[in-house]
Amino acid sequence: MKPLFWLCVALVAYAYFGYAIWLWLLARLRNRPILRKPISPNVSIIIAARNEEANLPAKLENLQLLNFPKDRLQIVIASDGSTDRTADILRAQASVIRPVILDKSNGKACALNEAVKHATGEIFVFLDTRQFVEPDAISELVACFSDATVGAVSGELLLESMSTAPSSDALGIYWKIEKAVRKLESASGSVVGVTGAIYAIRRQFYTEIPDGTILDDVFVPMNVARKGKRVIFQPSAIARDRLFSEKGKEFSRKVRTLTGNYQLLRLSPWLLSPANPLLFRFISHKLLRLLVPLLLVLMLVAAAMISGPVFRAIFWLQILFYVLAVLGSLSPSTRRLKPVAIANTFVMLNAAAALAFYNFVAGRNRVWV
């Protein structure tokens, strides 16, 4: 049991820390900067919306504030079978945007594909409806395409609390670690996936998204990498979103993302073959984290079965960790204590991974957003 225990420890440590350390070393030994300069190609902003009447007016106003030549900027917004006033709002703005009204809802992937058919730009910029985009965000994304090796660019999503200050709780810390990994991936080659709320690709590298795809922000850039172009992270291209105070909403968001990772393996089996130039990164960044719930269970069982005071102490430390996690769920006020917040967030993320596996096996993987 000892080899099993230490193997599980090593894999969990690598998933959360070892991979980042490896990237840090690689970035130091083989840094790959890009050549950025201001350019003004024709750009199409593409948004898929479903029942977004509450967010659309603010989004349309936000887009009018972008610091990019208006004569080179097209805005295409597809309404995916909306049952509220979304379609009416888009039709009323037909003088400044290109509305694509779909009578039936077939999912976000289908809406994006339909919107792309009406896009005329050399560069496609994909945004979501809810987030606020900084005025210079499009210019910052587009400048990266002055480098011919770049095929796709991810912006940065800043999650903020309701007080508008950047989040500093345990979930916010998790996002900071995730973005640090993306920066290191970009500096040493290519990122695995992009920020769904703000990313851009060259028109010729767009691959039609299969119906029902949950993670277009992984499917699209991985196909760009497959065609030999870099996928980079540009932190100065900023979109802002709120960090949901209700744990349930953040949990649902994470379940969706992790379910999408499983779905990708079915939709694109080449991701686990040598045809994927980012195979090692894809396994390290995306797939290994899906195994962490199983590894944690094995660690607990192994520690319980190994005799000796050291492993007995390790077993009870694990139990204490999970007790703190449960305490954080039962009494939210205790999450002000950092050990409780960290334990609660860590367990929540891995519970989401376990539920994602169940969703995939049960076929419950059709999620619009």
Protein backbone atom coordinates (compact mmCIF):
# COMPACT_ATOMS: atom_id res chain seq x y z
CA MET A 1 0.00 0.00 0.00
CA LYS A 2 2.90 2.39 0.61
CA PRO A 3 3.86 2.63 -3.10
CA LEU A 4 0.22 3.30 -3.97
CA PHE A 5 -0.05 6.02 -1.32
CA TRP A 6 3.10 7.83 -2.42
CA LEU A 7 2.19 7.50 -6.09
CA CYS A 8 -1.15 9.18 -5.37
CA VAL A 9 0.57 11.93 -3.38
CA ALA A 10 3.03 12.53 -6.21
CA LEU A 11 0.31 12.73 -8.87
CA VAL A 12 -1.85 15.12 -6.83
CA ALA A 13 1.17 17.30 -6.07
CA TYR A 14 2.16 17.32 -9.73
CA ALA A 15 -1.37 18.23 -10.85
CA TYR A 16 -1.51 21.31 -8.63
CA PHE A 17 2.13 22.35 -8.23
CA GLY A 18 4.59 20.17 -10.12
CA TYR A 19 3.28 21.04 -13.57
CA ALA A 20 3.51 24.76 -12.79
CA ILE A 21 7.08 24.32 -11.56
CA TRP A 22 8.00 22.40 -14.71
CA LEU A 23 6.52 25.18 -16.85
CA TRP A 24 8.43 27.79 -14.85
CA LEU A 25 11.70 26.01 -15.52
CA LEU A 26 10.84 25.53 -19.20
CA ALA A 27 9.94 29.21 -19.58
CA ARG A 28 13.32 30.15 -18.12
CA LEU A 29 15.24 27.77 -20.38
CA ARG A 30 13.20 28.26 -23.56
CA ASN A 31 11.27 31.48 -23.39
CA ARG A 32 9.29 32.15 -26.59
CA PRO A 33 8.26 35.82 -26.73
CA ILE A 34 5.98 37.05 -29.48
CA LEU A 35 6.29 40.09 -31.71
CA ARG A 36 3.48 42.52 -30.90
CA LYS A 37 2.68 45.76 -32.69
CA PRO A 38 -0.51 47.79 -33.27
CA ILE A 39 -2.44 46.57 -36.31
CA SER A 40 -6.00 47.22 -37.51
CA PRO A 41 -7.33 44.28 -39.52
CA ASN A 42 -11.03 43.76 -40.05
CA VAL A 43 -12.39 42.20 -36.85
CA SER A 44 -15.67 40.42 -36.20
CA ILE A 45 -16.87 40.23 -32.61
CA ILE A 46 -18.99 37.10 -32.21
CA ILE A 47 -21.41 36.50 -29.34
CA ALA A 48 -23.95 33.75 -28.75
CA ALA A 49 -26.84 34.77 -26.50
CA ARG A 50 -29.84 32.98 -25.08
CA ASN A 51 -32.38 34.78 -22.89
CA GLU A 52 -30.00 37.64 -22.18
CA GLU A 53 -32.40 40.58 -22.10
CA ALA A 54 -31.04 41.58 -18.69
CA ASN A 55 -27.42 41.74 -19.85
CA LEU A 56 -27.66 42.78 -23.50
CA PRO A 57 -28.24 46.55 -23.13
CA ALA A 58 -25.15 46.93 -20.94
CA LYS A 59 -23.13 44.70 -23.25
CA LEU A 60 -24.07 46.69 -26.34
CA GLU A 61 -23.14 49.90 -24.56
CA ASN A 62 -19.84 48.33 -23.49
CA LEU A 63 -19.02 47.37 -27.09
CA GLN A 64 -19.55 50.93 -28.26
CA LEU A 65 -16.76 52.05 -25.92
CA LEU A 66 -14.09 49.85 -27.51
CA ASN A 67 -10.96 51.65 -28.67
CA PHE A 68 -10.80 50.08 -32.11
CA PRO A 69 -11.55 51.64 -35.55
CA LYS A 70 -15.33 51.43 -35.95
CA ASP A 71 -15.05 51.01 -39.72
CA ARG A 72 -13.01 47.83 -39.15
CA LEU A 73 -15.21 46.35 -36.44
CA GLN A 74 -18.24 44.14 -37.06
CA ILE A 75 -20.45 42.87 -34.24
CA VAL A 76 -22.38 39.63 -34.84
CA ILE A 77 -24.74 38.44 -32.10
CA ALA A 78 -26.76 35.25 -32.45
CA SER A 79 -29.91 34.70 -30.42
CA ASP A 80 -30.23 30.97 -29.84
CA GLY A 81 -33.97 30.44 -29.68
CA SER A 82 -34.42 33.04 -26.93
CA THR A 83 -37.84 33.13 -25.31
CA ASP A 84 -37.48 36.58 -23.74
CA ARG A 85 -36.83 39.96 -25.45
CA THR A 86 -33.31 39.12 -26.60
CA ALA A 87 -34.24 38.86 -30.28
CA ASP A 88 -36.24 42.12 -30.15
CA ILE A 89 -33.29 43.97 -28.58
CA LEU A 90 -30.95 42.68 -31.27
CA ARG A 91 -33.33 43.61 -34.12
CA ALA A 92 -33.64 47.13 -32.69
CA GLN A 93 -29.85 47.48 -32.89
CA ALA A 94 -29.56 46.22 -36.49
CA SER A 95 -27.97 49.50 -37.57
CA VAL A 96 -24.86 48.87 -35.46
CA ILE A 97 -24.75 45.08 -35.14
CA ARG A 98 -25.47 42.05 -37.31
CA PRO A 99 -28.26 40.14 -35.53
CA VAL A 100 -28.63 36.42 -36.25
CA ILE A 101 -32.01 35.24 -34.98
CA LEU A 102 -32.40 31.49 -34.54
CA ASP A 103 -35.99 30.42 -33.92
CA LYS A 104 -35.03 27.16 -32.24
CA SER A 105 -32.45 26.63 -29.53
CA ASN A 106 -29.78 24.15 -30.61
CA GLY A 107 -27.09 25.12 -28.12
CA LYS A 108 -24.25 27.60 -27.89
CA ALA A 109 -22.01 25.70 -30.33
CA CYS A 110 -24.63 25.84 -33.07
CA ALA A 111 -25.26 29.54 -32.40
CA LEU A 112 -21.56 30.32 -32.72
CA ASN A 113 -21.32 28.38 -35.97
CA GLU A 114 -24.27 30.31 -37.39
CA ALA A 115 -22.82 33.63 -36.27
CA VAL A 116 -19.49 32.83 -37.92
CA LYS A 117 -21.27 32.36 -41.25
CA HIS A 118 -22.19 36.06 -41.14
CA ALA A 119 -18.76 37.26 -39.96
CA THR A 120 -16.58 39.13 -42.45
CA GLY A 121 -13.48 39.88 -40.38
CA GLU A 122 -9.97 38.50 -40.75
CA ILE A 123 -9.92 38.03 -36.99
CA PHE A 124 -12.77 36.52 -34.97
CA VAL A 125 -13.10 37.73 -31.37
CA PHE A 126 -15.39 35.62 -29.19
CA LEU A 127 -17.06 37.25 -26.20
CA ASP A 128 -19.79 36.33 -23.75
CA THR A 129 -22.72 38.55 -22.88
CA ARG A 130 -22.33 39.01 -19.14
CA GLN A 131 -18.75 40.26 -18.81
CA PHE A 132 -17.53 43.85 -19.11
CA VAL A 133 -14.71 44.21 -21.64
CA GLU A 134 -12.01 46.84 -21.13
CA PRO A 135 -11.88 49.49 -23.92
CA ASP A 136 -8.42 48.40 -25.12
CA ALA A 137 -9.13 44.67 -24.95
CA ILE A 138 -9.70 44.12 -28.67
CA SER A 139 -6.63 46.12 -29.64
CA GLU A 140 -4.54 44.12 -27.16
CA LEU A 141 -5.75 40.84 -28.61
CA VAL A 142 -5.31 41.88 -32.22
CA ALA A 143 -1.76 43.21 -31.73
CA CYS A 144 -0.61 39.65 -31.03
CA PHE A 145 -1.55 38.60 -34.56
CA SER A 146 1.27 40.71 -35.95
CA ASP A 147 3.32 37.61 -35.10
CA ALA A 148 2.78 35.08 -37.90
CA THR A 149 3.29 32.12 -35.53
CA VAL A 150 0.21 33.06 -33.49
CA GLY A 151 -3.11 31.50 -34.44
CA ALA A 152 -5.21 32.24 -31.35
CA VAL A 153 -5.04 34.60 -28.39
CA SER A 154 -6.71 34.33 -25.00
CA GLY A 155 -7.58 37.37 -22.94
CA GLU A 156 -7.76 37.47 -19.16
CA LEU A 157 -10.93 37.16 -17.10
CA LEU A 158 -10.76 39.02 -13.80
CA LEU A 159 -13.20 37.68 -11.23
CA GLU A 160 -14.33 40.31 -8.76
CA SER A 161 -16.46 40.28 -5.63
CA MET A 162 -19.65 42.29 -5.39
CA SER A 163 -17.58 45.12 -3.85
CA THR A 164 -15.66 45.32 -7.19
CA ALA A 165 -12.38 44.48 -5.48
CA PRO A 166 -10.46 41.52 -6.93
CA SER A 167 -11.44 38.35 -5.10
CA SER A 168 -9.02 37.16 -2.43
CA ASP A 169 -10.90 34.13 -1.04
CA ALA A 170 -9.76 30.56 -1.65
CA LEU A 171 -11.60 30.29 -4.97
CA GLY A 172 -10.00 33.53 -6.09
CA ILE A 173 -6.62 32.10 -5.15
CA TYR A 174 -7.38 29.05 -7.28
CA TRP A 175 -8.08 31.29 -10.25
CA LYS A 176 -4.82 33.15 -9.68
CA ILE A 177 -2.91 29.86 -9.77
CA GLU A 178 -4.77 28.83 -12.92
CA LYS A 179 -3.88 32.09 -14.67
CA ALA A 180 -0.25 31.77 -13.57
CA VAL A 181 -0.16 28.35 -15.26
CA ARG A 182 -1.62 29.84 -18.45
CA LYS A 183 0.99 32.60 -18.49
CA LEU A 184 3.76 30.04 -18.15
CA GLU A 185 2.25 27.85 -20.87
CA SER A 186 2.10 30.86 -23.17
CA ALA A 187 5.64 31.97 -22.40
CA SER A 188 7.02 28.53 -23.21
CA GLY A 189 4.81 27.70 -26.21
CA SER A 190 1.03 27.40 -26.19
CA VAL A 191 -1.78 27.40 -23.64
CA VAL A 192 -4.22 24.50 -23.39
CA GLY A 193 -7.56 26.21 -23.87
CA VAL A 194 -8.46 29.89 -23.70
CA THR A 195 -10.68 32.16 -21.62
CA GLY A 196 -14.15 31.60 -23.01
CA ALA A 197 -15.27 35.12 -22.15
CA ILE A 198 -12.61 36.72 -24.37
CA TYR A 199 -10.47 35.11 -27.04
CA ALA A 200 -9.59 35.61 -30.70
CA ILE A 201 -8.46 33.46 -33.62
CA ARG A 202 -7.48 33.96 -37.24
CA ARG A 203 -10.45 33.37 -39.53
CA GLN A 204 -8.77 30.59 -41.53
CA PHE A 205 -8.19 28.48 -38.43
CA TYR A 206 -11.77 28.36 -37.21
CA THR A 207 -13.06 24.79 -37.03
CA GLU A 208 -16.81 24.27 -36.93
CA ILE A 209 -17.83 23.30 -33.41
CA PRO A 210 -19.78 20.03 -33.05
CA ASP A 211 -23.34 20.50 -31.83
CA GLY A 212 -23.64 20.25 -28.07
CA THR A 213 -19.98 21.04 -27.38
CA ILE A 214 -19.61 22.50 -23.90
CA LEU A 215 -16.05 23.82 -24.12
CA ASP A 216 -15.70 25.75 -27.36
CA ASP A 217 -12.88 27.58 -25.59
CA VAL A 218 -10.84 24.35 -25.58
CA PHE A 219 -12.08 22.74 -28.81
CA VAL A 220 -11.38 25.79 -31.00
CA PRO A 221 -7.85 26.64 -29.77
CA MET A 222 -6.73 23.00 -29.67
CA ASN A 223 -7.63 22.75 -33.35
CA VAL A 224 -5.57 25.89 -33.96
CA ALA A 225 -2.58 24.25 -32.25
CA ARG A 226 -3.16 21.11 -34.31
CA LYS A 227 -2.64 23.23 -37.42
CA GLY A 228 0.79 24.30 -36.21
CA LYS A 229 0.04 27.75 -34.77
CA ARG A 230 0.62 29.01 -31.25
CA VAL A 231 -2.17 29.71 -28.80
CA ILE A 232 -1.05 32.42 -26.40
CA PHE A 233 -2.30 34.25 -23.33
CA GLN A 234 -2.43 38.06 -23.35
CA PRO A 235 -3.20 39.33 -19.82
CA SER A 236 -3.64 42.95 -20.94
CA ALA A 237 -6.81 42.00 -22.86
CA ILE A 238 -9.20 42.10 -19.93
CA ALA A 239 -12.81 41.10 -19.34
CA ARG A 240 -14.35 41.49 -15.89
CA ASP A 241 -16.92 39.26 -14.26
CA ARG A 242 -18.39 38.82 -10.81
CA LEU A 243 -17.38 35.97 -8.56
CA PHE A 244 -20.63 34.40 -7.46
CA SER A 245 -21.04 34.63 -3.71
CA GLU A 246 -23.28 31.57 -3.69
CA LYS A 247 -21.09 28.47 -3.70
CA GLY A 248 -23.72 26.60 -5.64
CA LYS A 249 -23.27 28.77 -8.72
CA GLU A 250 -19.50 28.45 -8.73
CA PHE A 251 -19.89 24.72 -8.17
CA SER A 252 -22.23 24.43 -11.16
CA ARG A 253 -19.83 26.43 -13.31
CA LYS A 254 -16.97 24.10 -12.39
CA VAL A 255 -19.05 20.96 -13.00
CA ARG A 256 -19.89 22.26 -16.46
CA THR A 257 -16.23 22.90 -17.30
CA LEU A 258 -15.03 19.53 -16.08
CA THR A 259 -17.88 17.69 -17.80
CA GLY A 260 -16.79 19.44 -20.97
CA ASN A 261 -13.29 18.00 -20.61
CA TYR A 262 -14.70 14.47 -20.61
CA GLN A 263 -16.93 15.32 -23.56
CA LEU A 264 -13.93 16.55 -25.57
CA LEU A 265 -12.31 13.12 -25.36
CA ARG A 266 -15.37 11.65 -27.08
CA LEU A 267 -15.71 14.42 -29.66
CA SER A 268 -12.00 14.67 -30.46
CA PRO A 269 -10.16 11.43 -29.65
CA TRP A 270 -7.11 12.81 -31.47
CA LEU A 271 -6.47 14.88 -28.35
CA LEU A 272 -5.02 11.72 -26.76
CA SER A 273 -2.87 10.83 -29.75
CA PRO A 274 0.44 12.06 -31.18
CA ALA A 275 -1.66 14.23 -33.52
CA ASN A 276 -2.03 16.58 -30.56
CA PRO A 277 1.11 18.76 -30.40
CA LEU A 278 0.13 19.75 -26.85
CA LEU A 279 -0.49 16.19 -25.65
CA PHE A 280 1.74 16.40 -22.56
CA ARG A 281 0.28 19.77 -21.57
CA PHE A 282 -3.27 18.60 -22.20
CA ILE A 283 -2.81 15.58 -19.93
CA SER A 284 -0.99 17.60 -17.25
CA HIS A 285 -3.35 20.60 -17.23
CA LYS A 286 -6.73 19.09 -18.06
CA LEU A 287 -6.90 15.34 -17.60
CA LEU A 288 -4.82 14.71 -14.51
CA ARG A 289 -7.03 17.00 -12.44
CA LEU A 290 -10.01 14.83 -13.40
CA LEU A 291 -8.30 11.91 -11.65
CA VAL A 292 -7.62 13.77 -8.40
CA PRO A 293 -10.91 12.71 -6.68
CA LEU A 294 -10.01 9.05 -7.23
CA LEU A 295 -6.44 9.68 -6.08
CA LEU A 296 -7.69 11.32 -2.88
CA VAL A 297 -9.90 8.35 -2.06
CA LEU A 298 -7.00 5.96 -2.67
CA MET A 299 -4.75 8.08 -0.44
CA LEU A 300 -7.27 7.92 2.40
CA VAL A 301 -7.84 4.17 2.06
CA ALA A 302 -4.12 3.43 1.74
CA ALA A 303 -3.25 5.53 4.82
CA ALA A 304 -5.93 3.71 6.82
CA MET A 305 -4.56 0.30 5.85
CA ILE A 306 -0.86 0.99 6.47
CA SER A 307 0.27 0.29 10.02
CA GLY A 308 2.53 2.58 12.00
CA PRO A 309 2.22 5.92 13.82
CA VAL A 310 3.31 8.04 10.84
CA PHE A 311 0.58 6.81 8.52
CA ARG A 312 -1.93 6.81 11.34
CA ALA A 313 -1.21 10.52 11.81
CA ILE A 314 -1.45 11.09 8.03
CA PHE A 315 -4.84 9.36 8.00
CA TRP A 316 -6.23 11.56 10.77
CA LEU A 317 -4.81 14.70 9.16
CA GLN A 318 -6.76 13.81 6.04
CA ILE A 319 -9.90 13.29 8.12
CA LEU A 320 -9.34 16.67 9.78
CA PHE A 321 -8.96 18.29 6.36
CA TYR A 322 -12.31 16.89 5.20
CA VAL A 323 -13.98 17.85 8.47
CA LEU A 324 -12.85 21.44 7.89
CA ALA A 325 -14.27 21.25 4.36
CA VAL A 326 -17.65 20.07 5.66
CA LEU A 327 -17.58 22.73 8.35
CA GLY A 328 -17.07 25.39 5.69
CA SER A 329 -20.16 24.15 3.84
CA LEU A 330 -22.37 23.87 6.92
CA SER A 331 -21.26 27.20 8.41
CA PRO A 332 -20.24 29.68 5.70
CA SER A 333 -18.98 32.18 8.27
CA THR A 334 -16.15 29.78 9.17
CA ARG A 335 -14.73 30.21 5.67
CA ARG A 336 -13.24 33.47 6.89
CA LEU A 337 -10.60 31.21 8.44
CA LYS A 338 -8.09 30.45 5.68
CA PRO A 339 -7.59 26.72 6.55
CA VAL A 340 -11.35 26.20 6.39
CA ALA A 341 -11.67 28.18 3.15
CA ILE A 342 -8.84 26.27 1.47
CA ALA A 343 -10.17 22.87 2.56
CA ASN A 344 -13.73 23.75 1.52
CA THR A 345 -12.69 25.06 -1.90
CA PHE A 346 -10.36 22.14 -2.60
CA VAL A 347 -13.04 19.59 -1.76
CA MET A 348 -15.68 21.55 -3.68
CA LEU A 349 -13.52 21.55 -6.83
CA ASN A 350 -12.87 17.83 -6.59
CA ALA A 351 -16.50 17.06 -5.82
CA ALA A 352 -17.26 18.93 -9.04
CA ALA A 353 -14.78 16.69 -10.88
CA ALA A 354 -16.47 13.58 -9.48
CA LEU A 355 -19.91 14.85 -10.49
CA ALA A 356 -18.57 15.72 -13.94
CA PHE A 357 -17.48 12.11 -14.39
CA TYR A 358 -20.98 10.97 -13.40
CA ASN A 359 -22.55 13.44 -15.84
CA PHE A 360 -20.38 12.12 -18.66
CA VAL A 361 -21.10 8.45 -17.92
CA ALA A 362 -24.82 9.17 -17.54
CA GLY A 363 -24.90 11.21 -20.75
CA ARG A 364 -25.87 14.41 -18.94
CA ASN A 365 -23.45 16.60 -20.87
CA ARG A 366 -25.67 18.93 -22.85
CA VAL A 367 -25.26 22.33 -21.21
CA TRP A 368 -25.83 25.61 -23.04
CA VAL A 369 -23.53 27.87 -20.97
